[in-house]
């Protein structure tokens, strides 16, 4: 997939900067998901946004399916990483899970990953 005409890394970075200045909301997180899809597509990776709870960006790289859970911790109610991973895994059962939280996670516990192929 090709990036939008005139859209390069500078435009994506500027859009992210604008998102950081916005008031925390579900809409801001959805816009972050849109930005991630644009970034992946600009890199030649097929990607789509699933606007669900939790918000998930799905993409395929080298034949492997991935589901990226997207969150700003302040908007997710301070969800712990393992809870967030479980919710993303349920939303995309056949994919490997990637977590992205722009504000970190609570709980201070490590995440244990189980690889499924």
Protein backbone atom coordinates (compact mmCIF):
# COMPACT_ATOMS: atom_id res chain seq x y z
CA UNK A 1 0.00 0.00 0.00
CA UNK A 2 1.21 3.45 -0.85
CA UNK A 3 1.29 6.40 1.56
CA UNK A 4 -0.95 9.39 0.82
CA UNK A 5 0.48 11.87 -1.67
CA UNK A 6 2.75 14.34 0.10
CA UNK A 7 2.72 12.35 3.34
CA UNK A 8 6.15 11.56 4.65
CA UNK A 9 7.72 11.01 8.04
CA UNK A 10 7.63 14.75 8.80
CA UNK A 11 3.84 14.89 8.39
CA UNK A 12 3.37 11.85 10.64
CA UNK A 13 5.63 13.33 13.32
CA UNK A 14 3.77 16.65 13.16
CA UNK A 15 0.44 14.83 13.50
CA UNK A 16 1.74 12.96 16.55
CA UNK A 17 2.91 16.23 18.11
CA UNK A 18 -0.56 17.69 17.62
CA UNK A 19 -2.12 14.61 19.28
CA UNK A 20 0.06 15.04 22.36
CA UNK A 21 -1.40 18.51 22.87
CA UNK A 22 -5.03 17.33 22.75
CA UNK A 23 -7.16 16.65 25.79
CA UNK A 24 -7.19 12.93 26.69
CA UNK A 25 -10.16 11.21 25.06
CA UNK A 26 -11.21 8.11 23.17
CA UNK A 27 -11.11 10.22 19.99
CA UNK A 28 -7.46 11.13 20.60
CA UNK A 29 -6.60 7.44 20.99
CA UNK A 30 -8.51 6.62 17.79
CA UNK A 31 -6.52 9.31 15.95
CA UNK A 32 -3.33 7.73 17.29
CA UNK A 33 -4.51 4.41 15.85
CA UNK A 34 -5.13 6.12 12.50
CA UNK A 35 -1.62 7.59 12.62
CA UNK A 36 -0.11 4.16 13.32
CA UNK A 37 -1.99 2.69 10.35
CA UNK A 38 -0.63 5.49 8.14
CA UNK A 39 2.90 4.86 9.44
CA UNK A 40 2.69 1.12 8.79
CA UNK A 41 1.26 1.69 5.30
CA UNK A 42 4.01 4.24 4.54
CA UNK A 43 6.44 1.42 5.41
CA UNK A 44 4.73 -0.92 2.94
CA UNK A 45 2.85 -2.96 5.55
CA UNK A 46 -0.85 -3.76 5.13
CA UNK A 47 -2.68 -2.37 8.18
CA UNK A 48 -6.18 -1.46 9.39
CA UNK A 49 -7.75 0.05 12.50
CA UNK A 50 -10.40 -1.84 14.44
CA UNK A 51 -12.29 0.82 16.35
CA UNK A 52 -13.44 -1.42 19.19
CA UNK A 53 -12.72 -1.83 22.87
CA UNK A 54 -9.79 -2.01 23.19
CA UNK A 55 -8.69 -0.10 20.10
CA UNK A 56 -6.60 -2.43 17.90
CA UNK A 57 -4.40 -1.88 14.85
CA UNK A 58 -4.13 -5.11 12.89
CA UNK A 59 -1.30 -5.67 10.43
CA UNK A 60 0.55 -8.40 8.59
CA UNK A 61 4.33 -8.52 8.28
CA UNK A 62 6.19 -11.32 6.52
CA UNK A 63 3.00 -13.40 6.53
CA UNK A 64 2.54 -13.11 10.31
CA UNK A 65 -0.60 -11.47 11.72
CA UNK A 66 -0.23 -8.93 14.52
CA UNK A 67 -2.72 -7.05 16.68
CA UNK A 68 -1.42 -3.89 18.31
CA UNK A 69 -3.46 -2.69 21.29
CA UNK A 70 -3.30 1.12 21.46
CA UNK A 71 -3.77 3.12 24.66
CA UNK A 72 -2.96 6.29 26.47
CA UNK A 73 -2.89 5.09 30.09
CA UNK A 74 -4.77 8.16 31.30
CA UNK A 75 -7.63 7.19 28.99
CA UNK A 76 -7.59 3.49 29.86
CA UNK A 77 -8.14 4.02 33.56
CA UNK A 78 -4.64 2.90 34.51
CA UNK A 79 -5.04 -0.61 33.14
CA UNK A 80 -2.24 -3.02 33.96
CA UNK A 81 -0.25 -4.40 31.03
CA UNK A 82 -1.37 -8.00 31.56
CA UNK A 83 -5.06 -6.97 31.62
CA UNK A 84 -4.58 -4.92 28.46
CA UNK A 85 -2.76 -7.78 26.70
CA UNK A 86 -5.56 -10.19 27.62
CA UNK A 87 -8.20 -7.81 26.18
CA UNK A 88 -6.23 -7.36 22.93
CA UNK A 89 -5.64 -11.12 22.63
CA UNK A 90 -9.40 -11.73 22.94
CA UNK A 91 -10.06 -9.15 20.21
CA UNK A 92 -7.64 -10.82 17.77
CA UNK A 93 -7.34 -14.51 18.58
CA UNK A 94 -5.15 -15.61 15.66
CA UNK A 95 -2.60 -12.79 15.90
CA UNK A 96 0.54 -12.13 17.89
CA UNK A 97 -0.10 -9.28 20.33
CA UNK A 98 1.87 -6.03 20.48
CA UNK A 99 1.08 -3.42 23.14
CA UNK A 100 1.54 0.32 22.75
CA UNK A 101 0.78 2.64 25.64
CA UNK A 102 1.83 6.24 25.24
CA UNK A 103 1.80 6.78 29.03
CA UNK A 104 3.02 3.44 30.30
CA UNK A 105 1.19 0.79 32.30
CA UNK A 106 0.35 0.40 35.96
CA UNK A 107 0.99 -2.57 38.19
CA UNK A 108 4.76 -2.83 37.90
CA UNK A 109 4.57 -6.50 36.94
CA UNK A 110 6.31 -8.04 33.97
CA UNK A 111 4.39 -9.47 31.05
CA UNK A 112 4.85 -13.11 30.16
CA UNK A 113 4.42 -13.84 26.47
CA UNK A 114 3.16 -17.05 24.98
CA UNK A 115 3.98 -17.40 21.31
CA UNK A 116 1.31 -19.06 19.19
CA UNK A 117 1.91 -20.11 15.59
